[in-house]
PDB file of N, CA and C in Angstrom:
ATOM      1  N   MET A   1      18.642  22.506  14.968  1.00  0.00           N
ATOM      2  CA  MET A   1      18.159  21.176  15.298  1.00  0.00           C
ATOM      3  C   MET A   1      17.328  21.245  16.572  1.00  0.00           C
ATOM      4  N   ILE A   2      16.187  20.648  16.543  1.00  0.00           N
ATOM      5  CA  ILE A   2      15.300  20.619  17.696  1.00  0.00           C
ATOM      6  C   ILE A   2      15.661  19.386  18.527  1.00  0.00           C
ATOM      7  N   PRO A   3      15.949  19.556  19.836  1.00  0.00           N
ATOM      8  CA  PRO A   3      16.428  18.434  20.640  1.00  0.00           C
ATOM      9  C   PRO A   3      15.384  17.352  20.900  1.00  0.00           C
ATOM     10  N   ASN A   4      14.152  17.704  21.011  1.00  0.00           N
ATOM     11  CA  ASN A   4      13.083  16.762  21.335  1.00  0.00           C
ATOM     12  C   ASN A   4      12.497  16.189  20.045  1.00  0.00           C
ATOM     13  N   LYS A   5      12.477  14.858  19.925  1.00  0.00           N
ATOM     14  CA  LYS A   5      11.978  14.226  18.685  1.00  0.00           C
ATOM     15  C   LYS A   5      10.511  14.544  18.432  1.00  0.00           C
ATOM     16  N   LYS A   6       9.720  14.607  19.488  1.00  0.00           N
ATOM     17  CA  LYS A   6       8.300  14.919  19.339  1.00  0.00           C
ATOM     18  C   LYS A   6       8.129  16.346  18.808  1.00  0.00           C
ATOM     19  N   ALA A   7       8.884  17.266  19.344  1.00  0.00           N
ATOM     20  CA  ALA A   7       8.828  18.653  18.883  1.00  0.00           C
ATOM     21  C   ALA A   7       9.358  18.767  17.457  1.00  0.00           C
ATOM     22  N   GLN A   8      10.396  18.008  17.149  1.00  0.00           N
ATOM     23  CA  GLN A   8      10.966  18.021  15.808  1.00  0.00           C
ATOM     24  C   GLN A   8       9.959  17.483  14.791  1.00  0.00           C
ATOM     25  N   THR A   9       9.287  16.408  15.147  1.00  0.00           N
ATOM     26  CA  THR A   9       8.259  15.832  14.275  1.00  0.00           C
ATOM     27  C   THR A   9       7.133  16.823  14.042  1.00  0.00           C
ATOM     28  N   ALA A  10       6.707  17.490  15.105  1.00  0.00           N
ATOM     29  CA  ALA A  10       5.639  18.490  14.986  1.00  0.00           C
ATOM     30  C   ALA A  10       6.078  19.646  14.091  1.00  0.00           C
ATOM     31  N   GLU A  11       7.311  20.059  14.206  1.00  0.00           N
ATOM     32  CA  GLU A  11       7.829  21.152  13.373  1.00  0.00           C
ATOM     33  C   GLU A  11       7.894  20.736  11.905  1.00  0.00           C
ATOM     34  N   ILE A  12       8.317  19.521  11.643  1.00  0.00           N
ATOM     35  CA  ILE A  12       8.363  19.018  10.261  1.00  0.00           C
ATOM     36  C   ILE A  12       6.963  18.976   9.678  1.00  0.00           C
ATOM     37  N   ALA A  13       6.013  18.445  10.454  1.00  0.00           N
ATOM     38  CA  ALA A  13       4.622  18.376   9.990  1.00  0.00           C
ATOM     39  C   ALA A  13       4.078  19.778   9.710  1.00  0.00           C
ATOM     40  N   LYS A  14       4.381  20.713  10.569  1.00  0.00           N
ATOM     41  CA  LYS A  14       3.931  22.107  10.388  1.00  0.00           C
ATOM     42  C   LYS A  14       4.494  22.703   9.090  1.00  0.00           C
ATOM     43  N   ARG A  15       5.773  22.478   8.851  1.00  0.00           N
ATOM     44  CA  ARG A  15       6.407  23.017   7.633  1.00  0.00           C
ATOM     45  C   ARG A  15       5.848  22.355   6.372  1.00  0.00           C
ATOM     46  N   LEU A  16       5.646  21.042   6.438  1.00  0.00           N
ATOM     47  CA  LEU A  16       5.082  20.347   5.282  1.00  0.00           C
ATOM     48  C   LEU A  16       3.669  20.826   4.988  1.00  0.00           C
ATOM     49  N   LYS A  17       2.880  21.047   6.036  1.00  0.00           N
ATOM     50  CA  LYS A  17       1.511  21.535   5.845  1.00  0.00           C
ATOM     51  C   LYS A  17       1.520  22.923   5.222  1.00  0.00           C
ATOM     52  N   LYS A  18       2.499  23.733   5.597  1.00  0.00           N
ATOM     53  CA  LYS A  18       2.617  25.074   5.012  1.00  0.00           C
ATOM     54  C   LYS A  18       3.023  24.989   3.533  1.00  0.00           C
ATOM     55  N   LEU A  19       3.949  24.097   3.225  1.00  0.00           N
ATOM     56  CA  LEU A  19       4.404  23.924   1.842  1.00  0.00           C
ATOM     57  C   LEU A  19       3.343  23.264   0.963  1.00  0.00           C
ATOM     58  N   TYR A  20       2.615  22.309   1.534  1.00  0.00           N
ATOM     59  CA  TYR A  20       1.622  21.530   0.788  1.00  0.00           C
ATOM     60  C   TYR A  20       0.293  21.545   1.540  1.00  0.00           C
ATOM     61  N   PRO A  21      -0.432  22.661   1.487  1.00  0.00           N
ATOM     62  CA  PRO A  21      -1.671  22.763   2.272  1.00  0.00           C
ATOM     63  C   PRO A  21      -2.774  21.804   1.821  1.00  0.00           C
ATOM     64  N   ASP A  22      -2.818  21.488   0.549  1.00  0.00           N
ATOM     65  CA  ASP A  22      -3.841  20.587   0.018  1.00  0.00           C
ATOM     66  C   ASP A  22      -3.181  19.499  -0.824  1.00  0.00           C
ATOM     67  N   PRO A  23      -2.527  18.535  -0.159  1.00  0.00           N
ATOM     68  CA  PRO A  23      -1.818  17.504  -0.929  1.00  0.00           C
ATOM     69  C   PRO A  23      -2.788  16.651  -1.746  1.00  0.00           C
ATOM     70  N   VAL A  24      -2.312  16.239  -2.907  1.00  0.00           N
ATOM     71  CA  VAL A  24      -3.119  15.425  -3.803  1.00  0.00           C
ATOM     72  C   VAL A  24      -2.403  14.091  -4.025  1.00  0.00           C
ATOM     73  N   VAL A  25      -3.117  13.018  -3.843  1.00  0.00           N
ATOM     74  CA  VAL A  25      -2.587  11.682  -4.130  1.00  0.00           C
ATOM     75  C   VAL A  25      -3.088  11.303  -5.510  1.00  0.00           C
ATOM     76  N   GLU A  26      -2.177  11.009  -6.406  1.00  0.00           N
ATOM     77  CA  GLU A  26      -2.538  10.682  -7.786  1.00  0.00           C
ATOM     78  C   GLU A  26      -3.062   9.256  -7.939  1.00  0.00           C
ATOM     79  N   LEU A  27      -2.814   8.429  -6.944  1.00  0.00           N
ATOM     80  CA  LEU A  27      -3.267   7.043  -7.007  1.00  0.00           C
ATOM     81  C   LEU A  27      -4.754   6.958  -6.686  1.00  0.00           C
ATOM     82  N   ASP A  28      -5.439   6.062  -7.372  1.00  0.00           N
ATOM     83  CA  ASP A  28      -6.865   5.830  -7.117  1.00  0.00           C
ATOM     84  C   ASP A  28      -7.008   4.759  -6.037  1.00  0.00           C
ATOM     85  N   TYR A  29      -7.797   5.052  -5.021  1.00  0.00           N
ATOM     86  CA  TYR A  29      -8.014   4.109  -3.932  1.00  0.00           C
ATOM     87  C   TYR A  29      -9.297   4.483  -3.191  1.00  0.00           C
ATOM     88  N   ALA A  30      -9.860   3.521  -2.461  1.00  0.00           N
ATOM     89  CA  ALA A  30     -11.077   3.780  -1.695  1.00  0.00           C
ATOM     90  C   ALA A  30     -10.864   3.588  -0.196  1.00  0.00           C
ATOM     91  N   THR A  31      -9.852   2.820   0.176  1.00  0.00           N
ATOM     92  CA  THR A  31      -9.597   2.557   1.592  1.00  0.00           C
ATOM     93  C   THR A  31      -8.113   2.800   1.888  1.00  0.00           C
ATOM     94  N   PRO A  32      -7.767   2.981   3.152  1.00  0.00           N
ATOM     95  CA  PRO A  32      -6.345   3.124   3.491  1.00  0.00           C
ATOM     96  C   PRO A  32      -5.514   1.916   3.058  1.00  0.00           C
ATOM     97  N   PHE A  33      -6.085   0.719   3.180  1.00  0.00           N
ATOM     98  CA  PHE A  33      -5.348  -0.467   2.754  1.00  0.00           C
ATOM     99  C   PHE A  33      -5.075  -0.441   1.251  1.00  0.00           C
ATOM    100  N   GLU A  34      -6.055  -0.045   0.458  1.00  0.00           N
ATOM    101  CA  GLU A  34      -5.845   0.064  -0.992  1.00  0.00           C
ATOM    102  C   GLU A  34      -4.746   1.075  -1.304  1.00  0.00           C
ATOM    103  N   LEU A  35      -4.683   2.163  -0.539  1.00  0.00           N
ATOM    104  CA  LEU A  35      -3.623   3.151  -0.755  1.00  0.00           C
ATOM    105  C   LEU A  35      -2.252   2.540  -0.494  1.00  0.00           C
ATOM    106  N   ILE A  36      -2.144   1.715   0.534  1.00  0.00           N
ATOM    107  CA  ILE A  36      -0.861   1.057   0.813  1.00  0.00           C
ATOM    108  C   ILE A  36      -0.463   0.148  -0.348  1.00  0.00           C
ATOM    109  N   ILE A  37      -1.391  -0.658  -0.826  1.00  0.00           N
ATOM    110  CA  ILE A  37      -1.095  -1.564  -1.943  1.00  0.00           C
ATOM    111  C   ILE A  37      -0.727  -0.767  -3.190  1.00  0.00           C
ATOM    112  N   ALA A  38      -1.508   0.259  -3.510  1.00  0.00           N
ATOM    113  CA  ALA A  38      -1.220   1.083  -4.691  1.00  0.00           C
ATOM    114  C   ALA A  38       0.142   1.760  -4.559  1.00  0.00           C
ATOM    115  N   SER A  39       0.479   2.222  -3.362  1.00  0.00           N
ATOM    116  CA  SER A  39       1.777   2.869  -3.143  1.00  0.00           C
ATOM    117  C   SER A  39       2.927   1.890  -3.325  1.00  0.00           C
ATOM    118  N   LEU A  40       2.760   0.670  -2.831  1.00  0.00           N
ATOM    119  CA  LEU A  40       3.797  -0.342  -3.022  1.00  0.00           C
ATOM    120  C   LEU A  40       4.015  -0.622  -4.506  1.00  0.00           C
ATOM    121  N   LEU A  41       2.924  -0.736  -5.240  1.00  0.00           N
ATOM    122  CA  LEU A  41       3.034  -0.985  -6.679  1.00  0.00           C
ATOM    123  C   LEU A  41       3.617   0.220  -7.410  1.00  0.00           C
ATOM    124  N   ALA A  42       3.244   1.416  -6.977  1.00  0.00           N
ATOM    125  CA  ALA A  42       3.701   2.639  -7.646  1.00  0.00           C
ATOM    126  C   ALA A  42       5.196   2.876  -7.481  1.00  0.00           C
ATOM    127  N   ALA A  43       5.799   2.195  -6.536  1.00  0.00           N
ATOM    128  CA  ALA A  43       7.244   2.318  -6.375  1.00  0.00           C
ATOM    129  C   ALA A  43       7.979   1.782  -7.595  1.00  0.00           C
ATOM    130  N   GLN A  44       7.316   0.944  -8.382  1.00  0.00           N
ATOM    131  CA  GLN A  44       7.942   0.327  -9.546  1.00  0.00           C
ATOM    132  C   GLN A  44       7.457   0.884 -10.880  1.00  0.00           C
ATOM    133  N   ASN A  45       6.489   1.780 -10.855  1.00  0.00           N
ATOM    134  CA  ASN A  45       5.914   2.248 -12.112  1.00  0.00           C
ATOM    135  C   ASN A  45       5.224   3.595 -11.904  1.00  0.00           C
ATOM    136  N   ARG A  46       4.719   4.162 -12.969  1.00  0.00           N
ATOM    137  CA  ARG A  46       4.005   5.440 -12.888  1.00  0.00           C
ATOM    138  C   ARG A  46       2.627   5.249 -12.257  1.00  0.00           C
ATOM    139  N   ASP A  47       2.181   6.295 -11.576  1.00  0.00           N
ATOM    140  CA  ASP A  47       0.860   6.243 -10.948  1.00  0.00           C
ATOM    141  C   ASP A  47      -0.236   5.979 -11.972  1.00  0.00           C
ATOM    142  N   THR A  48      -0.106   6.542 -13.168  1.00  0.00           N
ATOM    143  CA  THR A  48      -1.136   6.335 -14.186  1.00  0.00           C
ATOM    144  C   THR A  48      -1.227   4.868 -14.589  1.00  0.00           C
ATOM    145  N   THR A  49      -0.095   4.188 -14.647  1.00  0.00           N
ATOM    146  CA  THR A  49      -0.096   2.759 -14.969  1.00  0.00           C
ATOM    147  C   THR A  49      -0.720   1.957 -13.829  1.00  0.00           C
ATOM    148  N   ILE A  50      -0.373   2.304 -12.613  1.00  0.00           N
ATOM    149  CA  ILE A  50      -0.921   1.600 -11.452  1.00  0.00           C
ATOM    150  C   ILE A  50      -2.429   1.808 -11.377  1.00  0.00           C
ATOM    151  N   ASN A  51      -2.906   3.002 -11.725  1.00  0.00           N
ATOM    152  CA  ASN A  51      -4.351   3.278 -11.705  1.00  0.00           C
ATOM    153  C   ASN A  51      -5.112   2.447 -12.733  1.00  0.00           C
ATOM    154  N   LYS A  52      -4.427   1.943 -13.742  1.00  0.00           N
ATOM    155  CA  LYS A  52      -5.065   1.051 -14.723  1.00  0.00           C
ATOM    156  C   LYS A  52      -5.161  -0.382 -14.182  1.00  0.00           C
ATOM    157  N   ILE A  53      -4.244  -0.747 -13.309  1.00  0.00           N
ATOM    158  CA  ILE A  53      -4.169  -2.102 -12.768  1.00  0.00           C
ATOM    159  C   ILE A  53      -5.071  -2.274 -11.544  1.00  0.00           C
ATOM    160  N   THR A  54      -5.100  -1.272 -10.686  1.00  0.00           N
ATOM    161  CA  THR A  54      -5.728  -1.443  -9.378  1.00  0.00           C
ATOM    162  C   THR A  54      -7.243  -1.654  -9.384  1.00  0.00           C
ATOM    163  N   PRO A  55      -8.022  -1.141 -10.322  1.00  0.00           N
ATOM    164  CA  PRO A  55      -9.464  -1.433 -10.239  1.00  0.00           C
ATOM    165  C   PRO A  55      -9.761  -2.933 -10.221  1.00  0.00           C
ATOM    166  N   ASN A  56      -9.163  -3.684 -11.130  1.00  0.00           N
ATOM    167  CA  ASN A  56      -9.365  -5.139 -11.151  1.00  0.00           C
ATOM    168  C   ASN A  56      -8.747  -5.799  -9.923  1.00  0.00           C
ATOM    169  N   LEU A  57      -7.575  -5.331  -9.540  1.00  0.00           N
ATOM    170  CA  LEU A  57      -6.886  -5.886  -8.384  1.00  0.00           C
ATOM    171  C   LEU A  57      -7.724  -5.694  -7.118  1.00  0.00           C
ATOM    172  N   PHE A  58      -8.267  -4.500  -6.927  1.00  0.00           N
ATOM    173  CA  PHE A  58      -9.044  -4.216  -5.718  1.00  0.00           C
ATOM    174  C   PHE A  58     -10.406  -4.899  -5.720  1.00  0.00           C
ATOM    175  N   ARG A  59     -10.933  -5.209  -6.884  1.00  0.00           N
ATOM    176  CA  ARG A  59     -12.165  -6.005  -6.936  1.00  0.00           C
ATOM    177  C   ARG A  59     -11.903  -7.450  -6.534  1.00  0.00           C
ATOM    178  N   LYS A  60     -10.756  -7.951  -6.949  1.00  0.00           N
ATOM    179  CA  LYS A  60     -10.405  -9.346  -6.691  1.00  0.00           C
ATOM    180  C   LYS A  60      -9.897  -9.557  -5.255  1.00  0.00           C
ATOM    181  N   TYR A  61      -9.086  -8.630  -4.777  1.00  0.00           N
ATOM    182  CA  TYR A  61      -8.482  -8.728  -3.448  1.00  0.00           C
ATOM    183  C   TYR A  61      -9.049  -7.615  -2.577  1.00  0.00           C
ATOM    184  N   ARG A  62      -9.984  -7.958  -1.720  1.00  0.00           N
ATOM    185  CA  ARG A  62     -10.711  -6.961  -0.930  1.00  0.00           C
ATOM    186  C   ARG A  62     -10.033  -6.622   0.392  1.00  0.00           C
ATOM    187  N   CYS A  63      -9.193  -7.526   0.909  1.00  0.00           N
ATOM    188  CA  CYS A  63      -8.580  -7.304   2.216  1.00  0.00           C
ATOM    189  C   CYS A  63      -7.234  -8.040   2.290  1.00  0.00           C
ATOM    190  N   PRO A  64      -6.448  -7.780   3.322  1.00  0.00           N
ATOM    191  CA  PRO A  64      -5.129  -8.414   3.421  1.00  0.00           C
ATOM    192  C   PRO A  64      -5.166  -9.935   3.354  1.00  0.00           C
ATOM    193  N   THR A  65      -6.188 -10.561   3.932  1.00  0.00           N
ATOM    194  CA  THR A  65      -6.237 -12.026   3.893  1.00  0.00           C
ATOM    195  C   THR A  65      -6.365 -12.560   2.478  1.00  0.00           C
ATOM    196  N   ASP A  66      -6.968 -11.786   1.581  1.00  0.00           N
ATOM    197  CA  ASP A  66      -7.064 -12.215   0.182  1.00  0.00           C
ATOM    198  C   ASP A  66      -5.686 -12.294  -0.468  1.00  0.00           C
ATOM    199  N   TYR A  67      -4.805 -11.362  -0.138  1.00  0.00           N
ATOM    200  CA  TYR A  67      -3.448 -11.377  -0.694  1.00  0.00           C
ATOM    201  C   TYR A  67      -2.641 -12.547  -0.132  1.00  0.00           C
ATOM    202  N   VAL A  68      -2.929 -12.917   1.104  1.00  0.00           N
ATOM    203  CA  VAL A  68      -2.225 -14.031   1.742  1.00  0.00           C
ATOM    204  C   VAL A  68      -2.720 -15.362   1.201  1.00  0.00           C
ATOM    205  N   ALA A  69      -4.020 -15.477   0.964  1.00  0.00           N
ATOM    206  CA  ALA A  69      -4.629 -16.750   0.588  1.00  0.00           C
ATOM    207  C   ALA A  69      -4.398 -17.146  -0.870  1.00  0.00           C
ATOM    208  N   VAL A  70      -4.202 -16.194  -1.748  1.00  0.00           N
ATOM    209  CA  VAL A  70      -4.087 -16.487  -3.171  1.00  0.00           C
ATOM    210  C   VAL A  70      -2.764 -17.183  -3.486  1.00  0.00           C
ATOM    211  N   ASP A  71      -2.792 -18.017  -4.511  1.00  0.00           N
ATOM    212  CA  ASP A  71      -1.575 -18.659  -4.994  1.00  0.00           C
ATOM    213  C   ASP A  71      -0.588 -17.587  -5.466  1.00  0.00           C
ATOM    214  N   GLN A  72       0.667 -17.735  -5.075  1.00  0.00           N
ATOM    215  CA  GLN A  72       1.702 -16.750  -5.396  1.00  0.00           C
ATOM    216  C   GLN A  72       1.786 -16.460  -6.903  1.00  0.00           C
ATOM    217  N   ALA A  73       1.706 -17.494  -7.725  1.00  0.00           N
ATOM    218  CA  ALA A  73       1.797 -17.322  -9.179  1.00  0.00           C
ATOM    219  C   ALA A  73       0.627 -16.500  -9.713  1.00  0.00           C
ATOM    220  N   GLU A  74      -0.551 -16.714  -9.142  1.00  0.00           N
ATOM    221  CA  GLU A  74      -1.719 -15.952  -9.578  1.00  0.00           C
ATOM    222  C   GLU A  74      -1.572 -14.473  -9.221  1.00  0.00           C
ATOM    223  N   LEU A  75      -1.085 -14.197  -8.010  1.00  0.00           N
ATOM    224  CA  LEU A  75      -0.865 -12.805  -7.606  1.00  0.00           C
ATOM    225  C   LEU A  75       0.189 -12.151  -8.492  1.00  0.00           C
ATOM    226  N   GLU A  76       1.250 -12.879  -8.793  1.00  0.00           N
ATOM    227  CA  GLU A  76       2.293 -12.348  -9.670  1.00  0.00           C
ATOM    228  C   GLU A  76       1.725 -11.980 -11.041  1.00  0.00           C
ATOM    229  N   GLU A  77       0.850 -12.821 -11.561  1.00  0.00           N
ATOM    230  CA  GLU A  77       0.218 -12.527 -12.853  1.00  0.00           C
ATOM    231  C   GLU A  77      -0.664 -11.282 -12.751  1.00  0.00           C
ATOM    232  N   ASP A  78      -1.385 -11.157 -11.651  1.00  0.00           N
ATOM    233  CA  ASP A  78      -2.294 -10.023 -11.475  1.00  0.00           C
ATOM    234  C   ASP A  78      -1.566  -8.687 -11.369  1.00  0.00           C
ATOM    235  N   ILE A  79      -0.330  -8.697 -10.860  1.00  0.00           N
ATOM    236  CA  ILE A  79       0.403  -7.438 -10.707  1.00  0.00           C
ATOM    237  C   ILE A  79       1.551  -7.292 -11.710  1.00  0.00           C
ATOM    238  N   HIS A  80       1.656  -8.208 -12.648  1.00  0.00           N
ATOM    239  CA  HIS A  80       2.766  -8.206 -13.609  1.00  0.00           C
ATOM    240  C   HIS A  80       2.939  -6.868 -14.308  1.00  0.00           C
ATOM    241  N   ASP A  81       1.862  -6.251 -14.751  1.00  0.00           N
ATOM    242  CA  ASP A  81       1.955  -4.984 -15.489  1.00  0.00           C
ATOM    243  C   ASP A  81       2.444  -3.822 -14.636  1.00  0.00           C
ATOM    244  N   SER A  82       2.521  -4.016 -13.333  1.00  0.00           N
ATOM    245  CA  SER A  82       2.992  -2.943 -12.452  1.00  0.00           C
ATOM    246  C   SER A  82       4.510  -2.806 -12.496  1.00  0.00           C
ATOM    247  N   GLY A  83       5.187  -3.809 -13.014  1.00  0.00           N
ATOM    248  CA  GLY A  83       6.638  -3.762 -13.049  1.00  0.00           C
ATOM    249  C   GLY A  83       7.280  -4.702 -12.047  1.00  0.00           C
ATOM    250  N   PHE A  84       6.489  -5.226 -11.121  1.00  0.00           N
ATOM    251  CA  PHE A  84       7.022  -6.226 -10.201  1.00  0.00           C
ATOM    252  C   PHE A  84       7.177  -7.525 -10.960  1.00  0.00           C
ATOM    253  N   SER A  85       8.254  -8.251 -10.660  1.00  0.00           N
ATOM    254  CA  SER A  85       8.448  -9.533 -11.332  1.00  0.00           C
ATOM    255  C   SER A  85       8.904 -10.573 -10.335  1.00  0.00           C
ATOM    256  N   GLY A  86       8.627 -11.804 -10.670  1.00  0.00           N
ATOM    257  CA  GLY A  86       9.057 -12.909  -9.824  1.00  0.00           C
ATOM    258  C   GLY A  86       8.495 -12.807  -8.421  1.00  0.00           C
ATOM    259  N   ARG A  87       9.237 -13.297  -7.477  1.00  0.00           N
ATOM    260  CA  ARG A  87       8.779 -13.313  -6.087  1.00  0.00           C
ATOM    261  C   ARG A  87       9.283 -12.098  -5.317  1.00  0.00           C
ATOM    262  N   ASN A  88       9.757 -11.087  -6.019  1.00  0.00           N
ATOM    263  CA  ASN A  88      10.334  -9.926  -5.358  1.00  0.00           C
ATOM    264  C   ASN A  88       9.318  -8.898  -4.895  1.00  0.00           C
ATOM    265  N   HIS A  89       8.070  -9.038  -5.304  1.00  0.00           N
ATOM    266  CA  HIS A  89       7.093  -8.007  -4.955  1.00  0.00           C
ATOM    267  C   HIS A  89       6.748  -8.005  -3.475  1.00  0.00           C
ATOM    268  N   GLY A  90       6.652  -9.158  -2.852  1.00  0.00           N
ATOM    269  CA  GLY A  90       6.437  -9.234  -1.414  1.00  0.00           C
ATOM    270  C   GLY A  90       5.085  -8.769  -0.919  1.00  0.00           C
ATOM    271  N   LEU A  91       4.069  -8.647  -1.776  1.00  0.00           N
ATOM    272  CA  LEU A  91       2.759  -8.193  -1.306  1.00  0.00           C
ATOM    273  C   LEU A  91       2.175  -9.146  -0.284  1.00  0.00           C
ATOM    274  N   SER A  92       2.200 -10.426  -0.589  1.00  0.00           N
ATOM    275  CA  SER A  92       1.630 -11.374   0.371  1.00  0.00           C
ATOM    276  C   SER A  92       2.468 -11.413   1.647  1.00  0.00           C
ATOM    277  N   LYS A  93       3.779 -11.213   1.524  1.00  0.00           N
ATOM    278  CA  LYS A  93       4.630 -11.195   2.714  1.00  0.00           C
ATOM    279  C   LYS A  93       4.358  -9.969   3.568  1.00  0.00           C
ATOM    280  N   ARG A  94       3.942  -8.888   2.956  1.00  0.00           N
ATOM    281  CA  ARG A  94       3.608  -7.704   3.735  1.00  0.00           C
ATOM    282  C   ARG A  94       2.294  -7.891   4.492  1.00  0.00           C
ATOM    283  N   CYS A  95       1.499  -8.836   4.061  1.00  0.00           N
ATOM    284  CA  CYS A  95       0.231  -9.128   4.731  1.00  0.00           C
ATOM    285  C   CYS A  95       0.358 -10.296   5.703  1.00  0.00           C
ATOM    286  N   GLN A  96       1.435 -11.063   5.588  1.00  0.00           N
ATOM    287  CA  GLN A  96       1.655 -12.201   6.485  1.00  0.00           C
ATOM    288  C   GLN A  96       3.153 -12.412   6.621  1.00  0.00           C
ATOM    289  N   MET A  97       3.615 -12.625   7.831  1.00  0.00           N
ATOM    290  CA  MET A  97       5.040 -12.853   8.052  1.00  0.00           C
ATOM    291  C   MET A  97       5.237 -14.082   8.930  1.00  0.00           C
ATOM    292  N   ALA A  98       6.179 -14.926   8.557  1.00  0.00           N
ATOM    293  CA  ALA A  98       6.586 -16.092   9.352  1.00  0.00           C
ATOM    294  C   ALA A  98       5.408 -16.969   9.774  1.00  0.00           C
ATOM    295  N   GLY A  99       4.442 -17.109   8.880  1.00  0.00           N
ATOM    296  CA  GLY A  99       3.318 -17.975   9.168  1.00  0.00           C
ATOM    297  C   GLY A  99       2.287 -17.391  10.118  1.00  0.00           C
ATOM    298  N   ARG A 100       2.546 -16.194  10.637  1.00  0.00           N
ATOM    299  CA  ARG A 100       1.603 -15.544  11.547  1.00  0.00           C
ATOM    300  C   ARG A 100       1.026 -14.323  10.854  1.00  0.00           C
ATOM    301  N   PRO A 101      -0.201 -13.981  11.167  1.00  0.00           N
ATOM    302  CA  PRO A 101      -0.791 -12.798  10.536  1.00  0.00           C
ATOM    303  C   PRO A 101       0.030 -11.550  10.815  1.00  0.00           C
ATOM    304  N   HIS A 102       0.194 -10.750   9.802  1.00  0.00           N
ATOM    305  CA  HIS A 102       0.904  -9.479   9.892  1.00  0.00           C
ATOM    306  C   HIS A 102      -0.003  -8.457  10.564  1.00  0.00           C
ATOM    307  N   PRO A 103       0.562  -7.475  11.240  1.00  0.00           N
ATOM    308  CA  PRO A 103      -0.269  -6.434  11.858  1.00  0.00           C
ATOM    309  C   PRO A 103      -1.231  -5.747  10.886  1.00  0.00           C
ATOM    310  N   LEU A 104      -0.905  -5.740   9.595  1.00  0.00           N
ATOM    311  CA  LEU A 104      -1.833  -5.154   8.620  1.00  0.00           C
ATOM    312  C   LEU A 104      -3.186  -5.854   8.659  1.00  0.00           C
ATOM    313  N   LEU A 105      -3.169  -7.153   8.894  1.00  0.00           N
ATOM    314  CA  LEU A 105      -4.430  -7.887   8.959  1.00  0.00           C
ATOM    315  C   LEU A 105      -5.320  -7.355  10.065  1.00  0.00           C
ATOM    316  N   TYR A 106      -4.717  -7.014  11.181  1.00  0.00           N
ATOM    317  CA  TYR A 106      -5.495  -6.498  12.297  1.00  0.00           C
ATOM    318  C   TYR A 106      -5.831  -5.023  12.108  1.00  0.00           C
ATOM    319  N   MET A 107      -4.868  -4.268  11.624  1.00  0.00           N
ATOM    320  CA  MET A 107      -5.041  -2.832  11.473  1.00  0.00           C
ATOM    321  C   MET A 107      -6.195  -2.487  10.545  1.00  0.00           C
ATOM    322  N   PHE A 108      -6.348  -3.260   9.475  1.00  0.00           N
ATOM    323  CA  PHE A 108      -7.365  -2.932   8.483  1.00  0.00           C
ATOM    324  C   PHE A 108      -8.601  -3.802   8.547  1.00  0.00           C
ATOM    325  N   SER A 109      -8.644  -4.763   9.440  1.00  0.00           N
ATOM    326  CA  SER A 109      -9.814  -5.625   9.499  1.00  0.00           C
ATOM    327  C   SER A 109     -11.067  -4.851   9.876  1.00  0.00           C
ATOM    328  N   VAL A 110     -10.959  -3.875  10.737  1.00  0.00           N
ATOM    329  CA  VAL A 110     -12.113  -3.061  11.132  1.00  0.00           C
ATOM    330  C   VAL A 110     -12.575  -2.179   9.963  1.00  0.00           C
ATOM    331  N   VAL A 111     -11.616  -1.620   9.246  1.00  0.00           N
ATOM    332  CA  VAL A 111     -11.935  -0.726   8.132  1.00  0.00           C
ATOM    333  C   VAL A 111     -12.627  -1.475   6.993  1.00  0.00           C
ATOM    334  N   LEU A 112     -12.171  -2.703   6.732  1.00  0.00           N
ATOM    335  CA  LEU A 112     -12.634  -3.411   5.545  1.00  0.00           C
ATOM    336  C   LEU A 112     -13.805  -4.366   5.789  1.00  0.00           C
ATOM    337  N   HIS A 113     -14.135  -4.621   7.024  1.00  0.00           N
ATOM    338  CA  HIS A 113     -15.211  -5.579   7.290  1.00  0.00           C
ATOM    339  C   HIS A 113     -16.368  -4.926   7.989  1.00  0.00           C
TER     340      HIS A 113
END
């Protein structure tokens, strides 16, 4: 066990890089924000299924504010085939919390605009 968390993190990263020198992400995405959304959806289904859903989803929802602004029922319909059901998906909640913008809105606003 490495006593220093920073050193331990660096050692883990080093070992992972050695094990997986050229990691491949099976999900289709164009921006870091799209990767986050695709990853959240992929938790409930196969990557191949999510890759069929996300092209339309990413055309319709370009940034975190789009997920926050859309009617909840409409978003649920748009992601239904991913395996998420009802209000349990939390996509809009991940983009906005307690009526205030979520840090994702700020983190990706530069990338997407």
